[in-house]
Amino acid sequence: MIPKVGTAADVYAVDALVSGIESAKGFQTRIGFELIIETALGMQNTHEIAAASCRVESLHFGVADYAASTQARTMSIGGANPDYHMLTDPDEVGNRGVHWGDMWHFALSRVVMVARANGLRPVDGPFGDLSDPVGFEAQARRSAALGCEGKWAIHPSQVGLANRIFRPSATEVERARGILLAMKDAHSDGRGAVCYDGKMIDLASLRQAETVVRKADEISARAL
């Protein structure tokens, strides 16, 4: 795992060192790289970084150092920020609603997009408030919804939460398998789309369902 990757040259340098060590020691198993994007420079260069070496396997979002690098006004490691909110217009008596936002959405979305474009695994970073499992779960669910495959656990209490949240639920897997069957029947009839459970599904739905089933099968296989 390589922290604070800022440019592709950082990856080249470590790759050269590791290649030399592997050759000198006669290692037969190639060492893979997991890169942490946690600076403004690294976020700017994510595309080049992701493609810098065939050793790269995943991109991780390091929220705390990223916040420090961008001089964000926060002292927390991940989570919500009460200053990052929108106000509704005043109603007839002057009341205004407050809607908190996710100040890390853009950065994490960028990491996910670049990782997937380069065939890598995107992973969300730490959640620092160990006393707030509900907050950890909320952030993990947002990460999973964006496409992350996992999230850091910096305390044993977070391990079970992360495993549960990033594993597709039985309901999700059942629906995904139903979509696969429905699309198989549709293809046999020469149709590219079909109605399933009151909703239109097509080839994009098929790929989404295949992702869910594949992930569930991989997790089940590792549990054996």
C-alpha atoms as a PDB file:
ATOM      1  CA  MET A   1       0.000   0.000   0.000  1.00  0.00           C
ATOM      2  CA  ILE A   2       1.522   3.277  -1.136  1.00  0.00           C
ATOM      3  CA  PRO A   3       0.346   6.435   0.682  1.00  0.00           C
ATOM      4  CA  LYS A   4       0.143  10.007  -0.609  1.00  0.00           C
ATOM      5  CA  VAL A   5       0.617   9.159  -4.279  1.00  0.00           C
ATOM      6  CA  GLY A   6       0.785  12.512  -6.062  1.00  0.00           C
ATOM      7  CA  THR A   7       1.993  11.712  -9.570  1.00  0.00           C
ATOM      8  CA  ALA A   8       2.551   8.763 -11.860  1.00  0.00           C
ATOM      9  CA  ALA A   9       6.282   9.181 -11.223  1.00  0.00           C
ATOM     10  CA  ASP A  10       5.722   8.156  -7.592  1.00  0.00           C
ATOM     11  CA  VAL A  11       4.328   4.843  -8.799  1.00  0.00           C
ATOM     12  CA  TYR A  12       7.125   4.389 -11.363  1.00  0.00           C
ATOM     13  CA  ALA A  13       9.742   4.831  -8.638  1.00  0.00           C
ATOM     14  CA  VAL A  14       8.225   2.256  -6.300  1.00  0.00           C
ATOM     15  CA  ASP A  15       7.623  -0.114  -9.205  1.00  0.00           C
ATOM     16  CA  ALA A  16      11.314   0.048 -10.137  1.00  0.00           C
ATOM     17  CA  LEU A  17      12.379  -0.680  -6.554  1.00  0.00           C
ATOM     18  CA  VAL A  18       9.956  -3.560  -6.152  1.00  0.00           C
ATOM     19  CA  SER A  19      10.930  -5.040  -9.532  1.00  0.00           C
ATOM     20  CA  GLY A  20      14.569  -4.998  -8.484  1.00  0.00           C
ATOM     21  CA  ILE A  21      13.799  -6.678  -5.157  1.00  0.00           C
ATOM     22  CA  GLU A  22      11.632  -9.339  -6.796  1.00  0.00           C
ATOM     23  CA  SER A  23      14.387 -10.119  -9.282  1.00  0.00           C
ATOM     24  CA  ALA A  24      17.148 -10.205  -6.660  1.00  0.00           C
ATOM     25  CA  LYS A  25      15.164 -12.381  -4.278  1.00  0.00           C
ATOM     26  CA  GLY A  26      13.723 -14.655  -6.929  1.00  0.00           C
ATOM     27  CA  PHE A  27      10.113 -13.986  -5.908  1.00  0.00           C
ATOM     28  CA  GLN A  28       7.655 -15.870  -8.103  1.00  0.00           C
ATOM     29  CA  THR A  29       4.523 -14.028  -6.990  1.00  0.00           C
ATOM     30  CA  ARG A  30       4.261 -10.462  -8.264  1.00  0.00           C
ATOM     31  CA  ILE A  31       3.654  -7.813  -5.607  1.00  0.00           C
ATOM     32  CA  GLY A  32       0.549  -5.716  -6.245  1.00  0.00           C
ATOM     33  CA  PHE A  33       0.057  -2.042  -5.396  1.00  0.00           C
ATOM     34  CA  GLU A  34      -2.813  -0.398  -3.547  1.00  0.00           C
ATOM     35  CA  LEU A  35      -2.597   3.364  -3.930  1.00  0.00           C
ATOM     36  CA  ILE A  36      -4.001   5.942  -1.529  1.00  0.00           C
ATOM     37  CA  ILE A  37      -5.239   9.152  -3.151  1.00  0.00           C
ATOM     38  CA  GLU A  38      -5.086  11.627  -0.294  1.00  0.00           C
ATOM     39  CA  THR A  39      -3.713  14.929  -1.592  1.00  0.00           C
ATOM     40  CA  ALA A  40      -4.932  17.625  -3.947  1.00  0.00           C
ATOM     41  CA  LEU A  41      -2.068  16.742  -6.300  1.00  0.00           C
ATOM     42  CA  GLY A  42      -3.008  13.085  -6.277  1.00  0.00           C
ATOM     43  CA  MET A  43      -6.664  13.870  -6.937  1.00  0.00           C
ATOM     44  CA  GLN A  44      -5.633  16.045  -9.876  1.00  0.00           C
ATOM     45  CA  ASN A  45      -3.536  13.248 -11.366  1.00  0.00           C
ATOM     46  CA  THR A  46      -5.741  10.237 -10.638  1.00  0.00           C
ATOM     47  CA  HIS A  47      -6.039   9.238 -14.293  1.00  0.00           C
ATOM     48  CA  GLU A  48      -2.271   9.080 -14.844  1.00  0.00           C
ATOM     49  CA  ILE A  49      -1.667   7.451 -11.450  1.00  0.00           C
ATOM     50  CA  ALA A  50      -4.188   4.668 -12.062  1.00  0.00           C
ATOM     51  CA  ALA A  51      -2.507   3.728 -15.347  1.00  0.00           C
ATOM     52  CA  ALA A  52       1.084   4.091 -14.127  1.00  0.00           C
ATOM     53  CA  SER A  53       1.809   0.405 -13.475  1.00  0.00           C
ATOM     54  CA  CYS A  54       0.356  -3.016 -14.163  1.00  0.00           C
ATOM     55  CA  ARG A  55       0.936  -3.707 -10.465  1.00  0.00           C
ATOM     56  CA  VAL A  56      -1.833  -1.318  -9.413  1.00  0.00           C
ATOM     57  CA  GLU A  57      -4.869  -3.190  -8.090  1.00  0.00           C
ATOM     58  CA  SER A  58      -6.914  -0.572  -6.234  1.00  0.00           C
ATOM     59  CA  LEU A  59      -7.370   3.107  -5.417  1.00  0.00           C
ATOM     60  CA  HIS A  60      -8.216   4.186  -1.868  1.00  0.00           C
ATOM     61  CA  PHE A  61      -9.585   7.571  -0.805  1.00  0.00           C
ATOM     62  CA  GLY A  62      -7.666   8.950   2.170  1.00  0.00           C
ATOM     63  CA  VAL A  63     -10.121  11.512   3.470  1.00  0.00           C
ATOM     64  CA  ALA A  64      -8.175  12.953   6.417  1.00  0.00           C
ATOM     65  CA  ASP A  65      -4.962  13.849   4.605  1.00  0.00           C
ATOM     66  CA  TYR A  66      -7.008  14.971   1.606  1.00  0.00           C
ATOM     67  CA  ALA A  67      -8.887  17.394   3.868  1.00  0.00           C
ATOM     68  CA  ALA A  68      -5.580  18.719   5.201  1.00  0.00           C
ATOM     69  CA  SER A  69      -4.168  19.031   1.687  1.00  0.00           C
ATOM     70  CA  THR A  70      -7.149  21.033   0.427  1.00  0.00           C
ATOM     71  CA  GLN A  71      -7.273  23.080   3.672  1.00  0.00           C
ATOM     72  CA  ALA A  72     -10.871  21.999   4.234  1.00  0.00           C
ATOM     73  CA  ARG A  73     -12.425  23.483   7.370  1.00  0.00           C
ATOM     74  CA  THR A  74     -12.936  20.284   9.298  1.00  0.00           C
ATOM     75  CA  MET A  75     -11.245  18.472  12.166  1.00  0.00           C
ATOM     76  CA  SER A  76     -13.014  15.152  11.581  1.00  0.00           C
ATOM     77  CA  ILE A  77     -11.887  12.064   9.683  1.00  0.00           C
ATOM     78  CA  GLY A  78     -14.716  11.635   7.204  1.00  0.00           C
ATOM     79  CA  GLY A  79     -18.354  11.982   8.093  1.00  0.00           C
ATOM     80  CA  ALA A  80     -20.654  14.950   7.881  1.00  0.00           C
ATOM     81  CA  ASN A  81     -19.887  18.626   8.382  1.00  0.00           C
ATOM     82  CA  PRO A  82     -22.629  20.937   9.703  1.00  0.00           C
ATOM     83  CA  ASP A  83     -21.185  23.839   7.707  1.00  0.00           C
ATOM     84  CA  TYR A  84     -21.649  21.967   4.440  1.00  0.00           C
ATOM     85  CA  HIS A  85     -25.379  22.485   3.989  1.00  0.00           C
ATOM     86  CA  MET A  86     -28.023  24.212   1.889  1.00  0.00           C
ATOM     87  CA  LEU A  87     -30.928  26.322   3.093  1.00  0.00           C
ATOM     88  CA  THR A  88     -34.344  26.266   1.527  1.00  0.00           C
ATOM     89  CA  ASP A  89     -36.049  29.549   0.727  1.00  0.00           C
ATOM     90  CA  PRO A  90     -38.058  30.946   3.659  1.00  0.00           C
ATOM     91  CA  ASP A  91     -41.633  29.726   3.903  1.00  0.00           C
ATOM     92  CA  GLU A  92     -44.573  32.029   4.574  1.00  0.00           C
ATOM     93  CA  VAL A  93     -43.528  32.561   8.186  1.00  0.00           C
ATOM     94  CA  GLY A  94     -39.788  32.750   7.527  1.00  0.00           C
ATOM     95  CA  ASN A  95     -38.777  29.210   8.451  1.00  0.00           C
ATOM     96  CA  ARG A  96     -35.961  27.679   6.408  1.00  0.00           C
ATOM     97  CA  GLY A  97     -35.088  24.012   6.092  1.00  0.00           C
ATOM     98  CA  VAL A  98     -31.481  22.840   6.482  1.00  0.00           C
ATOM     99  CA  HIS A  99     -30.187  20.056   4.242  1.00  0.00           C
ATOM    100  CA  TRP A 100     -26.725  18.690   5.000  1.00  0.00           C
ATOM    101  CA  GLY A 101     -24.591  17.553   2.092  1.00  0.00           C
ATOM    102  CA  ASP A 102     -21.679  15.149   1.667  1.00  0.00           C
ATOM    103  CA  MET A 103     -18.563  17.292   1.289  1.00  0.00           C
ATOM    104  CA  TRP A 104     -16.541  14.254   0.122  1.00  0.00           C
ATOM    105  CA  HIS A 105     -18.889  13.258  -2.686  1.00  0.00           C
ATOM    106  CA  PHE A 106     -16.908  14.701  -5.588  1.00  0.00           C
ATOM    107  CA  ALA A 107     -13.549  13.351  -4.436  1.00  0.00           C
ATOM    108  CA  LEU A 108     -14.838   9.847  -3.768  1.00  0.00           C
ATOM    109  CA  SER A 109     -16.840   9.796  -7.018  1.00  0.00           C
ATOM    110  CA  ARG A 110     -13.700  10.744  -8.920  1.00  0.00           C
ATOM    111  CA  VAL A 111     -11.704   7.946  -7.295  1.00  0.00           C
ATOM    112  CA  VAL A 112     -14.459   5.438  -8.143  1.00  0.00           C
ATOM    113  CA  MET A 113     -14.739   6.617 -11.752  1.00  0.00           C
ATOM    114  CA  VAL A 114     -10.998   6.539 -12.415  1.00  0.00           C
ATOM    115  CA  ALA A 115     -10.583   3.174 -10.685  1.00  0.00           C
ATOM    116  CA  ARG A 116     -13.338   1.526 -12.701  1.00  0.00           C
ATOM    117  CA  ALA A 117     -12.130   3.084 -15.962  1.00  0.00           C
ATOM    118  CA  ASN A 118      -8.761   1.423 -15.371  1.00  0.00           C
ATOM    119  CA  GLY A 119     -10.061  -1.923 -14.125  1.00  0.00           C
ATOM    120  CA  LEU A 120      -9.139  -1.227 -10.491  1.00  0.00           C
ATOM    121  CA  ARG A 121     -11.024  -1.657  -7.217  1.00  0.00           C
ATOM    122  CA  PRO A 122     -12.166   1.573  -5.506  1.00  0.00           C
ATOM    123  CA  VAL A 123     -12.090   1.541  -1.697  1.00  0.00           C
ATOM    124  CA  ASP A 124     -13.373   4.218   0.685  1.00  0.00           C
ATOM    125  CA  GLY A 125     -11.088   5.290   3.520  1.00  0.00           C
ATOM    126  CA  PRO A 126     -11.509   5.750   7.272  1.00  0.00           C
ATOM    127  CA  PHE A 127     -14.335   7.027   9.432  1.00  0.00           C
ATOM    128  CA  GLY A 128     -12.765   8.448  12.553  1.00  0.00           C
ATOM    129  CA  ASP A 129     -15.617   8.629  15.069  1.00  0.00           C
ATOM    130  CA  LEU A 130     -15.423   5.208  16.692  1.00  0.00           C
ATOM    131  CA  SER A 131     -18.364   6.039  18.954  1.00  0.00           C
ATOM    132  CA  ASP A 132     -20.741   6.532  16.004  1.00  0.00           C
ATOM    133  CA  PRO A 133     -21.469   3.205  14.273  1.00  0.00           C
ATOM    134  CA  VAL A 134     -24.612   4.697  12.719  1.00  0.00           C
ATOM    135  CA  GLY A 135     -22.519   7.415  11.101  1.00  0.00           C
ATOM    136  CA  PHE A 136     -20.023   4.824   9.859  1.00  0.00           C
ATOM    137  CA  GLU A 137     -22.851   2.787   8.355  1.00  0.00           C
ATOM    138  CA  ALA A 138     -24.368   5.825   6.644  1.00  0.00           C
ATOM    139  CA  GLN A 139     -21.067   6.773   5.051  1.00  0.00           C
ATOM    140  CA  ALA A 140     -20.351   3.175   4.058  1.00  0.00           C
ATOM    141  CA  ARG A 141     -23.734   2.865   2.384  1.00  0.00           C
ATOM    142  CA  ARG A 142     -23.056   6.037   0.371  1.00  0.00           C
ATOM    143  CA  SER A 143     -19.692   4.607  -0.668  1.00  0.00           C
ATOM    144  CA  ALA A 144     -21.249   1.303  -1.699  1.00  0.00           C
ATOM    145  CA  ALA A 145     -23.962   3.136  -3.644  1.00  0.00           C
ATOM    146  CA  LEU A 146     -21.257   5.018  -5.583  1.00  0.00           C
ATOM    147  CA  GLY A 147     -19.464   1.784  -6.497  1.00  0.00           C
ATOM    148  CA  CYS A 148     -16.831   1.257  -3.801  1.00  0.00           C
ATOM    149  CA  GLU A 149     -16.012  -2.372  -3.030  1.00  0.00           C
ATOM    150  CA  GLY A 150     -15.131  -1.765   0.580  1.00  0.00           C
ATOM    151  CA  LYS A 151     -14.245   0.681   3.314  1.00  0.00           C
ATOM    152  CA  TRP A 152     -11.409   0.907   5.804  1.00  0.00           C
ATOM    153  CA  ALA A 153     -12.015  -0.330   9.329  1.00  0.00           C
ATOM    154  CA  ILE A 154      -9.725   1.432  11.796  1.00  0.00           C
ATOM    155  CA  HIS A 155     -11.227  -0.324  14.817  1.00  0.00           C
ATOM    156  CA  PRO A 156     -12.478  -3.892  15.357  1.00  0.00           C
ATOM    157  CA  SER A 157     -15.994  -2.565  15.946  1.00  0.00           C
ATOM    158  CA  GLN A 158     -16.124  -1.384  12.316  1.00  0.00           C
ATOM    159  CA  VAL A 159     -15.138  -4.677  10.686  1.00  0.00           C
ATOM    160  CA  GLY A 160     -18.510  -6.391  10.997  1.00  0.00           C
ATOM    161  CA  LEU A 161     -20.331  -3.248   9.861  1.00  0.00           C
ATOM    162  CA  ALA A 162     -18.223  -2.967   6.723  1.00  0.00           C
ATOM    163  CA  ASN A 163     -18.583  -6.653   5.869  1.00  0.00           C
ATOM    164  CA  ARG A 164     -22.352  -6.518   6.263  1.00  0.00           C
ATOM    165  CA  ILE A 165     -22.845  -3.307   4.294  1.00  0.00           C
ATOM    166  CA  PHE A 166     -20.653  -4.184   1.333  1.00  0.00           C
ATOM    167  CA  ARG A 167     -22.057  -7.683   0.980  1.00  0.00           C
ATOM    168  CA  PRO A 168     -25.177  -7.711  -1.243  1.00  0.00           C
ATOM    169  CA  SER A 169     -28.269  -8.505   0.786  1.00  0.00           C
ATOM    170  CA  ALA A 170     -30.316 -11.636   0.165  1.00  0.00           C
ATOM    171  CA  THR A 171     -33.071  -9.433  -1.288  1.00  0.00           C
ATOM    172  CA  GLU A 172     -30.657  -7.771  -3.711  1.00  0.00           C
ATOM    173  CA  VAL A 173     -29.243 -11.098  -4.834  1.00  0.00           C
ATOM    174  CA  GLU A 174     -32.718 -12.586  -5.312  1.00  0.00           C
ATOM    175  CA  ARG A 175     -33.772  -9.627  -7.439  1.00  0.00           C
ATOM    176  CA  ALA A 176     -30.557  -9.763  -9.452  1.00  0.00           C
ATOM    177  CA  ARG A 177     -31.023 -13.460 -10.197  1.00  0.00           C
ATOM    178  CA  GLY A 178     -34.599 -12.739 -11.216  1.00  0.00           C
ATOM    179  CA  ILE A 179     -33.384 -10.108 -13.667  1.00  0.00           C
ATOM    180  CA  LEU A 180     -30.891 -12.553 -15.148  1.00  0.00           C
ATOM    181  CA  LEU A 181     -33.643 -15.105 -15.736  1.00  0.00           C
ATOM    182  CA  ALA A 182     -36.003 -12.487 -17.174  1.00  0.00           C
ATOM    183  CA  MET A 183     -33.368 -11.221 -19.598  1.00  0.00           C
ATOM    184  CA  LYS A 184     -32.464 -14.757 -20.609  1.00  0.00           C
ATOM    185  CA  ASP A 185     -36.109 -15.362 -21.529  1.00  0.00           C
ATOM    186  CA  ALA A 186     -36.247 -12.020 -23.336  1.00  0.00           C
ATOM    187  CA  HIS A 187     -33.168 -12.848 -25.406  1.00  0.00           C
ATOM    188  CA  SER A 188     -34.615 -16.219 -26.377  1.00  0.00           C
ATOM    189  CA  ASP A 189     -37.641 -14.341 -27.749  1.00  0.00           C
ATOM    190  CA  GLY A 190     -35.474 -11.834 -29.588  1.00  0.00           C
ATOM    191  CA  ARG A 191     -36.215  -8.932 -27.237  1.00  0.00           C
ATOM    192  CA  GLY A 192     -33.630  -6.516 -25.855  1.00  0.00           C
ATOM    193  CA  ALA A 193     -35.795  -5.263 -23.007  1.00  0.00           C
ATOM    194  CA  VAL A 194     -38.595  -6.604 -20.840  1.00  0.00           C
ATOM    195  CA  CYS A 195     -40.767  -5.603 -17.905  1.00  0.00           C
ATOM    196  CA  TYR A 196     -39.764  -7.194 -14.600  1.00  0.00           C
ATOM    197  CA  ASP A 197     -41.517  -6.488 -11.313  1.00  0.00           C
ATOM    198  CA  GLY A 198     -43.252  -3.518 -12.898  1.00  0.00           C
ATOM    199  CA  LYS A 199     -40.007  -1.930 -14.156  1.00  0.00           C
ATOM    200  CA  MET A 200     -38.300  -1.858 -17.520  1.00  0.00           C
ATOM    201  CA  ILE A 201     -35.009  -3.762 -17.660  1.00  0.00           C
ATOM    202  CA  ASP A 202     -32.535  -3.994 -20.535  1.00  0.00           C
ATOM    203  CA  LEU A 203     -28.887  -4.854 -21.211  1.00  0.00           C
ATOM    204  CA  ALA A 204     -27.703  -2.250 -18.700  1.00  0.00           C
ATOM    205  CA  SER A 205     -29.921  -3.900 -16.082  1.00  0.00           C
ATOM    206  CA  LEU A 206     -28.383  -7.243 -17.026  1.00  0.00           C
ATOM    207  CA  ARG A 207     -24.865  -5.941 -16.390  1.00  0.00           C
ATOM    208  CA  GLN A 208     -25.925  -4.459 -13.060  1.00  0.00           C
ATOM    209  CA  ALA A 209     -27.488  -7.761 -11.996  1.00  0.00           C
ATOM    210  CA  GLU A 210     -24.413  -9.705 -13.098  1.00  0.00           C
ATOM    211  CA  THR A 211     -22.253  -7.449 -10.902  1.00  0.00           C
ATOM    212  CA  VAL A 212     -24.401  -8.124  -7.830  1.00  0.00           C
ATOM    213  CA  VAL A 213     -24.482 -11.884  -8.368  1.00  0.00           C
ATOM    214  CA  ARG A 214     -20.762 -12.081  -9.093  1.00  0.00           C
ATOM    215  CA  LYS A 215     -19.916 -10.137  -5.946  1.00  0.00           C
ATOM    216  CA  ALA A 216     -22.204 -12.319  -3.819  1.00  0.00           C
ATOM    217  CA  ASP A 217     -20.685 -15.488  -5.282  1.00  0.00           C
ATOM    218  CA  GLU A 218     -17.119 -14.253  -4.704  1.00  0.00           C
ATOM    219  CA  ILE A 219     -17.873 -13.432  -1.059  1.00  0.00           C
ATOM    220  CA  SER A 220     -19.558 -16.784  -0.512  1.00  0.00           C
ATOM    221  CA  ALA A 221     -16.612 -18.615  -2.042  1.00  0.00           C
ATOM    222  CA  ARG A 222     -14.128 -16.878   0.264  1.00  0.00           C
ATOM    223  CA  ALA A 223     -16.285 -17.746   3.274  1.00  0.00           C
ATOM    224  CA  LEU A 224     -15.959 -21.471   2.575  1.00  0.00           C
END
